[in-house]
Amino acid sequence: MNKKANVGVTIILFLFAIALLIGAILNNKDKNVQDEKNSQSIQSIKEQISPYGDKDQMNKLIIVSGFDNTTKLSKPENLVSNKISKTIIVNGTITKGYLYVVASADNKALQTSEQDRFDDIYINLIELKNDNSSKEYGGHLIENRSLETPKSNSQTELLFSLANIPYLKTYTDSDKEIISGNWLKILDESPLNKTVAFSSTLKKGTIKELSIYYTCLENTDCSLSLKE
């Protein structure tokens, strides 16, 4: 093969290599675009089926928002004005729901380390019976037992199934003493209940929102409302 033929073959091979490179780049770009689309789709599906996303399709009762208090010896300093006390009226049958809390201490997320263990939320559901007796279900909510929620340095979001709300009776109880409260059962069995709640912290505690999300028995109406 003469010199000119060698040069021609070299050019052809060079052009072929460039074509392969361009093809690989385009294929990789398409793959990256497709991977990004797949990732977004997966994230969208996860958000739709996760409890945090699921709640937004439900009915909602806001029990309180923008409530501030502080505690001393694990109790609100003023037992009358420094705690939330609301009566919940139940109509119909609730089949599913969540307890949702957004809270902060000194405008920061709740601190749950050993030296700051006062930073939690105390909440009770009190079943009011026809004979004027009552029974309480609740205590200090367990943050690390919450369903998945967004993380932030400025606030803490807690989400619990109404059928399984984990709590400690006192903040000094150990993890072995965690109790699970089935609020869904109580709300369905008792048409009148009372909620008592407060931030358990030596700092300025703020409950930005305390709500219940819920769904009704299929093809029926139900409602949760606050007694005026």
C-alpha atoms as a PDB file:
ATOM      1  CA  MET A   1       0.000   0.000   0.000  1.00  0.00           C
ATOM      2  CA  ASN A   2       1.416   3.421  -0.994  1.00  0.00           C
ATOM      3  CA  LYS A   3       1.733   6.429   1.241  1.00  0.00           C
ATOM      4  CA  LYS A   4      -1.408   8.144  -0.090  1.00  0.00           C
ATOM      5  CA  ALA A   5      -3.472   5.014   0.557  1.00  0.00           C
ATOM      6  CA  ASN A   6      -2.153   4.862   4.139  1.00  0.00           C
ATOM      7  CA  VAL A   7      -3.139   8.479   4.700  1.00  0.00           C
ATOM      8  CA  GLY A   8      -6.606   7.800   3.316  1.00  0.00           C
ATOM      9  CA  VAL A   9      -7.102   4.805   5.595  1.00  0.00           C
ATOM     10  CA  THR A  10      -5.888   6.830   8.572  1.00  0.00           C
ATOM     11  CA  ILE A  11      -8.359   9.646   7.792  1.00  0.00           C
ATOM     12  CA  ILE A  12     -11.229   7.168   7.419  1.00  0.00           C
ATOM     13  CA  LEU A  13     -10.345   5.491  10.712  1.00  0.00           C
ATOM     14  CA  PHE A  14     -10.033   8.901  12.381  1.00  0.00           C
ATOM     15  CA  LEU A  15     -13.455  10.003  11.086  1.00  0.00           C
ATOM     16  CA  PHE A  16     -14.942   6.671  12.159  1.00  0.00           C
ATOM     17  CA  ALA A  17     -13.490   7.114  15.657  1.00  0.00           C
ATOM     18  CA  ILE A  18     -14.946  10.631  15.877  1.00  0.00           C
ATOM     19  CA  ALA A  19     -18.347   9.319  14.782  1.00  0.00           C
ATOM     20  CA  LEU A  20     -18.216   6.641  17.465  1.00  0.00           C
ATOM     21  CA  LEU A  21     -17.221   9.235  20.069  1.00  0.00           C
ATOM     22  CA  ILE A  22     -20.032  11.582  19.076  1.00  0.00           C
ATOM     23  CA  GLY A  23     -22.483   8.685  19.165  1.00  0.00           C
ATOM     24  CA  ALA A  24     -21.290   7.666  22.611  1.00  0.00           C
ATOM     25  CA  ILE A  25     -21.616  11.253  23.870  1.00  0.00           C
ATOM     26  CA  LEU A  26     -25.150  11.567  22.484  1.00  0.00           C
ATOM     27  CA  ASN A  27     -26.151   8.177  23.888  1.00  0.00           C
ATOM     28  CA  ASN A  28     -24.705   9.111  27.277  1.00  0.00           C
ATOM     29  CA  LYS A  29     -26.540  12.429  27.204  1.00  0.00           C
ATOM     30  CA  ASP A  30     -29.786  10.677  26.349  1.00  0.00           C
ATOM     31  CA  LYS A  31     -29.111   8.160  29.119  1.00  0.00           C
ATOM     32  CA  ASN A  32     -28.456  10.949  31.631  1.00  0.00           C
ATOM     33  CA  VAL A  33     -31.665  12.698  30.609  1.00  0.00           C
ATOM     34  CA  GLN A  34     -33.598   9.442  30.911  1.00  0.00           C
ATOM     35  CA  ASP A  35     -31.980   8.656  34.257  1.00  0.00           C
ATOM     36  CA  GLU A  36     -32.959  12.116  35.509  1.00  0.00           C
ATOM     37  CA  LYS A  37     -36.534  11.599  34.322  1.00  0.00           C
ATOM     38  CA  ASN A  38     -36.639   8.180  35.976  1.00  0.00           C
ATOM     39  CA  SER A  39     -35.259   9.634  39.201  1.00  0.00           C
ATOM     40  CA  GLN A  40     -37.865  12.395  39.210  1.00  0.00           C
ATOM     41  CA  SER A  41     -40.626   9.879  38.517  1.00  0.00           C
ATOM     42  CA  ILE A  42     -39.486   7.615  41.336  1.00  0.00           C
ATOM     43  CA  GLN A  43     -39.308  10.580  43.724  1.00  0.00           C
ATOM     44  CA  SER A  44     -42.778  11.709  42.661  1.00  0.00           C
ATOM     45  CA  ILE A  45     -44.199   8.225  43.254  1.00  0.00           C
ATOM     46  CA  LYS A  46     -42.487   8.003  46.655  1.00  0.00           C
ATOM     47  CA  GLU A  47     -43.966  11.359  47.668  1.00  0.00           C
ATOM     48  CA  GLN A  48     -47.426  10.283  46.572  1.00  0.00           C
ATOM     49  CA  ILE A  49     -47.404   6.983  48.457  1.00  0.00           C
ATOM     50  CA  SER A  50     -45.475   8.127  51.546  1.00  0.00           C
ATOM     51  CA  PRO A  51     -47.509   9.010  54.647  1.00  0.00           C
ATOM     52  CA  TYR A  52     -46.222  12.593  54.470  1.00  0.00           C
ATOM     53  CA  GLY A  53     -47.590  12.991  50.945  1.00  0.00           C
ATOM     54  CA  ASP A  54     -50.628  10.810  51.634  1.00  0.00           C
ATOM     55  CA  LYS A  55     -51.897  13.125  54.384  1.00  0.00           C
ATOM     56  CA  ASP A  56     -52.443  16.021  51.987  1.00  0.00           C
ATOM     57  CA  GLN A  57     -55.231  14.070  50.266  1.00  0.00           C
ATOM     58  CA  MET A  58     -57.156  13.754  53.551  1.00  0.00           C
ATOM     59  CA  ASN A  59     -59.561  15.872  55.567  1.00  0.00           C
ATOM     60  CA  LYS A  60     -57.835  18.038  58.152  1.00  0.00           C
ATOM     61  CA  LEU A  61     -58.613  19.413  61.590  1.00  0.00           C
ATOM     62  CA  ILE A  62     -56.235  22.114  62.843  1.00  0.00           C
ATOM     63  CA  ILE A  63     -56.291  21.903  66.631  1.00  0.00           C
ATOM     64  CA  VAL A  64     -53.990  24.865  67.195  1.00  0.00           C
ATOM     65  CA  SER A  65     -51.358  26.967  65.435  1.00  0.00           C
ATOM     66  CA  GLY A  66     -48.798  29.479  66.679  1.00  0.00           C
ATOM     67  CA  PHE A  67     -48.898  28.419  70.341  1.00  0.00           C
ATOM     68  CA  ASP A  68     -45.987  29.420  72.656  1.00  0.00           C
ATOM     69  CA  ASN A  69     -45.140  28.137  76.114  1.00  0.00           C
ATOM     70  CA  THR A  70     -42.268  27.094  78.347  1.00  0.00           C
ATOM     71  CA  THR A  71     -42.100  24.539  81.160  1.00  0.00           C
ATOM     72  CA  LYS A  72     -40.672  24.212  84.631  1.00  0.00           C
ATOM     73  CA  LEU A  73     -40.204  20.791  86.226  1.00  0.00           C
ATOM     74  CA  SER A  74     -41.752  19.300  83.051  1.00  0.00           C
ATOM     75  CA  LYS A  75     -45.056  21.194  83.507  1.00  0.00           C
ATOM     76  CA  PRO A  76     -46.236  24.453  81.878  1.00  0.00           C
ATOM     77  CA  GLU A  77     -45.390  27.442  84.070  1.00  0.00           C
ATOM     78  CA  ASN A  78     -49.008  28.571  83.909  1.00  0.00           C
ATOM     79  CA  LEU A  79     -51.243  25.494  83.806  1.00  0.00           C
ATOM     80  CA  VAL A  80     -54.213  27.497  82.488  1.00  0.00           C
ATOM     81  CA  SER A  81     -52.803  29.747  79.776  1.00  0.00           C
ATOM     82  CA  ASN A  82     -49.651  27.797  78.871  1.00  0.00           C
ATOM     83  CA  LYS A  83     -51.247  24.633  77.576  1.00  0.00           C
ATOM     84  CA  ILE A  84     -53.553  23.784  74.701  1.00  0.00           C
ATOM     85  CA  SER A  85     -56.942  22.485  75.789  1.00  0.00           C
ATOM     86  CA  LYS A  86     -59.458  21.706  73.045  1.00  0.00           C
ATOM     87  CA  THR A  87     -62.554  19.515  72.890  1.00  0.00           C
ATOM     88  CA  ILE A  88     -62.902  17.437  69.704  1.00  0.00           C
ATOM     89  CA  ILE A  89     -66.330  16.449  68.400  1.00  0.00           C
ATOM     90  CA  VAL A  90     -66.426  13.287  66.250  1.00  0.00           C
ATOM     91  CA  ASN A  91     -69.152  12.558  63.713  1.00  0.00           C
ATOM     92  CA  GLY A  92     -69.183   9.370  61.647  1.00  0.00           C
ATOM     93  CA  THR A  93     -66.478   6.726  61.343  1.00  0.00           C
ATOM     94  CA  ILE A  94     -62.809   7.508  60.718  1.00  0.00           C
ATOM     95  CA  THR A  95     -60.876   4.740  58.972  1.00  0.00           C
ATOM     96  CA  LYS A  96     -57.388   6.213  58.813  1.00  0.00           C
ATOM     97  CA  GLY A  97     -55.492   9.264  59.997  1.00  0.00           C
ATOM     98  CA  TYR A  98     -52.343  10.964  61.181  1.00  0.00           C
ATOM     99  CA  LEU A  99     -51.333  13.204  64.046  1.00  0.00           C
ATOM    100  CA  TYR A 100     -49.152  16.009  62.673  1.00  0.00           C
ATOM    101  CA  VAL A 101     -47.012  18.406  64.706  1.00  0.00           C
ATOM    102  CA  VAL A 102     -44.686  21.222  63.669  1.00  0.00           C
ATOM    103  CA  ALA A 103     -42.699  22.577  66.612  1.00  0.00           C
ATOM    104  CA  SER A 104     -39.554  24.451  67.599  1.00  0.00           C
ATOM    105  CA  ALA A 105     -37.614  25.510  70.713  1.00  0.00           C
ATOM    106  CA  ASP A 106     -35.980  28.956  70.613  1.00  0.00           C
ATOM    107  CA  ASN A 107     -36.772  28.987  66.866  1.00  0.00           C
ATOM    108  CA  LYS A 108     -34.692  25.854  66.304  1.00  0.00           C
ATOM    109  CA  ALA A 109     -35.469  22.183  65.794  1.00  0.00           C
ATOM    110  CA  LEU A 110     -36.225  20.245  68.972  1.00  0.00           C
ATOM    111  CA  GLN A 111     -33.096  18.959  70.698  1.00  0.00           C
ATOM    112  CA  THR A 112     -33.403  15.408  71.971  1.00  0.00           C
ATOM    113  CA  SER A 113     -29.899  14.740  73.296  1.00  0.00           C
ATOM    114  CA  GLU A 114     -29.501  13.673  76.910  1.00  0.00           C
ATOM    115  CA  GLN A 115     -28.726  17.173  78.196  1.00  0.00           C
ATOM    116  CA  ASP A 116     -31.631  18.724  76.276  1.00  0.00           C
ATOM    117  CA  ARG A 117     -34.247  16.073  76.691  1.00  0.00           C
ATOM    118  CA  PHE A 118     -36.893  18.593  77.755  1.00  0.00           C
ATOM    119  CA  ASP A 119     -37.353  19.452  74.073  1.00  0.00           C
ATOM    120  CA  ASP A 120     -40.371  17.387  73.133  1.00  0.00           C
ATOM    121  CA  ILE A 121     -44.113  17.667  72.696  1.00  0.00           C
ATOM    122  CA  TYR A 122     -46.546  16.480  75.343  1.00  0.00           C
ATOM    123  CA  ILE A 123     -50.048  15.602  74.162  1.00  0.00           C
ATOM    124  CA  ASN A 124     -52.974  13.759  75.700  1.00  0.00           C
ATOM    125  CA  LEU A 125     -56.214  12.536  74.193  1.00  0.00           C
ATOM    126  CA  ILE A 126     -58.798  12.390  76.965  1.00  0.00           C
ATOM    127  CA  GLU A 127     -61.835  10.193  76.354  1.00  0.00           C
ATOM    128  CA  LEU A 128     -64.908  11.852  77.887  1.00  0.00           C
ATOM    129  CA  LYS A 129     -67.435   9.202  78.921  1.00  0.00           C
ATOM    130  CA  ASN A 130     -71.180   9.479  79.455  1.00  0.00           C
ATOM    131  CA  ASP A 131     -70.867   8.857  83.206  1.00  0.00           C
ATOM    132  CA  ASN A 132     -68.634  11.965  83.464  1.00  0.00           C
ATOM    133  CA  SER A 133     -65.545   9.821  83.950  1.00  0.00           C
ATOM    134  CA  SER A 134     -62.550  10.086  81.627  1.00  0.00           C
ATOM    135  CA  LYS A 135     -59.499   8.167  80.497  1.00  0.00           C
ATOM    136  CA  GLU A 136     -56.233   9.623  79.176  1.00  0.00           C
ATOM    137  CA  TYR A 137     -54.109   8.329  76.303  1.00  0.00           C
ATOM    138  CA  GLY A 138     -50.852  10.149  75.740  1.00  0.00           C
ATOM    139  CA  GLY A 139     -47.655  11.665  77.049  1.00  0.00           C
ATOM    140  CA  HIS A 140     -44.318  12.792  75.622  1.00  0.00           C
ATOM    141  CA  LEU A 141     -44.190  12.022  71.888  1.00  0.00           C
ATOM    142  CA  ILE A 142     -41.176   9.990  70.710  1.00  0.00           C
ATOM    143  CA  GLU A 143     -39.504  11.940  67.911  1.00  0.00           C
ATOM    144  CA  ASN A 144     -37.400   9.057  66.599  1.00  0.00           C
ATOM    145  CA  ARG A 145     -40.569   6.962  66.170  1.00  0.00           C
ATOM    146  CA  SER A 146     -42.090   9.546  63.820  1.00  0.00           C
ATOM    147  CA  LEU A 147     -42.879   8.599  60.234  1.00  0.00           C
ATOM    148  CA  GLU A 148     -40.548  10.185  57.678  1.00  0.00           C
ATOM    149  CA  THR A 149     -40.801  13.994  57.502  1.00  0.00           C
ATOM    150  CA  PRO A 150     -38.635  16.789  56.035  1.00  0.00           C
ATOM    151  CA  LYS A 151     -35.635  17.749  58.173  1.00  0.00           C
ATOM    152  CA  SER A 152     -34.839  21.339  59.110  1.00  0.00           C
ATOM    153  CA  ASN A 153     -32.608  23.257  61.518  1.00  0.00           C
ATOM    154  CA  SER A 154     -35.387  25.702  62.355  1.00  0.00           C
ATOM    155  CA  GLN A 155     -38.241  23.316  63.233  1.00  0.00           C
ATOM    156  CA  THR A 156     -39.223  19.703  63.806  1.00  0.00           C
ATOM    157  CA  GLU A 157     -42.065  17.961  61.993  1.00  0.00           C
ATOM    158  CA  LEU A 158     -43.634  14.896  63.581  1.00  0.00           C
ATOM    159  CA  LEU A 159     -46.081  12.529  61.904  1.00  0.00           C
ATOM    160  CA  PHE A 160     -47.714   9.520  63.535  1.00  0.00           C
ATOM    161  CA  SER A 161     -50.427   7.113  62.477  1.00  0.00           C
ATOM    162  CA  LEU A 162     -53.495   7.700  64.657  1.00  0.00           C
ATOM    163  CA  ALA A 163     -53.561   3.940  65.233  1.00  0.00           C
ATOM    164  CA  ASN A 164     -50.026   3.921  66.645  1.00  0.00           C
ATOM    165  CA  ILE A 165     -48.888   6.994  68.570  1.00  0.00           C
ATOM    166  CA  PRO A 166     -45.775   6.198  70.678  1.00  0.00           C
ATOM    167  CA  TYR A 167     -45.197   8.135  73.876  1.00  0.00           C
ATOM    168  CA  LEU A 168     -43.617   8.106  77.318  1.00  0.00           C
ATOM    169  CA  LYS A 169     -45.675   8.931  80.392  1.00  0.00           C
ATOM    170  CA  THR A 170     -42.826  11.051  81.776  1.00  0.00           C
ATOM    171  CA  TYR A 171     -39.688  12.365  80.078  1.00  0.00           C
ATOM    172  CA  THR A 172     -37.521  10.336  82.484  1.00  0.00           C
ATOM    173  CA  ASP A 173     -39.006   7.004  81.364  1.00  0.00           C
ATOM    174  CA  SER A 174     -36.716   4.679  79.427  1.00  0.00           C
ATOM    175  CA  ASP A 175     -37.318   3.398  75.899  1.00  0.00           C
ATOM    176  CA  LYS A 176     -38.513   0.151  77.467  1.00  0.00           C
ATOM    177  CA  GLU A 177     -41.503   2.060  78.834  1.00  0.00           C
ATOM    178  CA  ILE A 178     -42.764   3.414  75.496  1.00  0.00           C
ATOM    179  CA  ILE A 179     -46.537   3.078  75.173  1.00  0.00           C
ATOM    180  CA  SER A 180     -48.460   2.931  71.902  1.00  0.00           C
ATOM    181  CA  GLY A 181     -51.799   4.725  71.886  1.00  0.00           C
ATOM    182  CA  ASN A 182     -54.529   3.840  69.381  1.00  0.00           C
ATOM    183  CA  TRP A 183     -56.209   7.211  68.983  1.00  0.00           C
ATOM    184  CA  LEU A 184     -58.107   6.037  65.918  1.00  0.00           C
ATOM    185  CA  LYS A 185     -60.010   3.513  68.039  1.00  0.00           C
ATOM    186  CA  ILE A 186     -60.757   6.112  70.732  1.00  0.00           C
ATOM    187  CA  LEU A 187     -62.010   8.708  68.252  1.00  0.00           C
ATOM    188  CA  ASP A 188     -64.311   6.140  66.663  1.00  0.00           C
ATOM    189  CA  GLU A 189     -65.665   4.882  69.984  1.00  0.00           C
ATOM    190  CA  SER A 190     -66.132   8.226  71.737  1.00  0.00           C
ATOM    191  CA  PRO A 191     -67.922  11.170  70.055  1.00  0.00           C
ATOM    192  CA  LEU A 192     -66.436  13.658  72.522  1.00  0.00           C
ATOM    193  CA  ASN A 193     -62.741  13.890  73.376  1.00  0.00           C
ATOM    194  CA  LYS A 194     -60.426  16.495  74.816  1.00  0.00           C
ATOM    195  CA  THR A 195     -56.892  17.265  73.695  1.00  0.00           C
ATOM    196  CA  VAL A 196     -54.327  18.716  76.064  1.00  0.00           C
ATOM    197  CA  ALA A 197     -50.895  19.601  74.687  1.00  0.00           C
ATOM    198  CA  PHE A 198     -47.826  21.756  75.292  1.00  0.00           C
ATOM    199  CA  SER A 199     -44.147  22.039  74.433  1.00  0.00           C
ATOM    200  CA  SER A 200     -42.041  20.355  77.085  1.00  0.00           C
ATOM    201  CA  THR A 201     -38.935  22.536  77.070  1.00  0.00           C
ATOM    202  CA  LEU A 202     -37.109  25.003  79.289  1.00  0.00           C
ATOM    203  CA  LYS A 203     -36.710  27.202  76.209  1.00  0.00           C
ATOM    204  CA  LYS A 204     -39.366  29.155  74.357  1.00  0.00           C
ATOM    205  CA  GLY A 205     -41.416  26.319  72.901  1.00  0.00           C
ATOM    206  CA  THR A 206     -43.598  26.945  69.878  1.00  0.00           C
ATOM    207  CA  ILE A 207     -46.170  24.572  68.465  1.00  0.00           C
ATOM    208  CA  LYS A 208     -46.486  26.015  64.975  1.00  0.00           C
ATOM    209  CA  GLU A 209     -49.182  23.505  64.076  1.00  0.00           C
ATOM    210  CA  LEU A 210     -50.996  20.648  65.727  1.00  0.00           C
ATOM    211  CA  SER A 211     -53.408  18.878  63.384  1.00  0.00           C
ATOM    212  CA  ILE A 212     -55.213  15.633  62.705  1.00  0.00           C
ATOM    213  CA  TYR A 213     -55.557  14.344  59.142  1.00  0.00           C
ATOM    214  CA  TYR A 214     -58.267  11.749  58.563  1.00  0.00           C
ATOM    215  CA  THR A 215     -60.392   9.816  56.054  1.00  0.00           C
ATOM    216  CA  CYS A 216     -63.974   8.591  56.404  1.00  0.00           C
ATOM    217  CA  LEU A 217     -65.522   5.167  56.024  1.00  0.00           C
ATOM    218  CA  GLU A 218     -66.098   4.611  52.298  1.00  0.00           C
ATOM    219  CA  ASN A 219     -69.335   6.127  50.947  1.00  0.00           C
ATOM    220  CA  THR A 220     -70.047   7.856  54.261  1.00  0.00           C
ATOM    221  CA  ASP A 221     -69.508  11.295  55.725  1.00  0.00           C
ATOM    222  CA  CYS A 222     -67.508  11.996  58.852  1.00  0.00           C
ATOM    223  CA  SER A 223     -65.978  15.012  60.497  1.00  0.00           C
ATOM    224  CA  LEU A 224     -63.738  16.190  63.304  1.00  0.00           C
ATOM    225  CA  SER A 225     -64.460  19.633  64.702  1.00  0.00           C
ATOM    226  CA  LEU A 226     -63.614  21.707  67.765  1.00  0.00           C
ATOM    227  CA  LYS A 227     -66.257  22.569  70.328  1.00  0.00           C
ATOM    228  CA  GLU A 228     -66.754  26.313  70.560  1.00  0.00           C
END
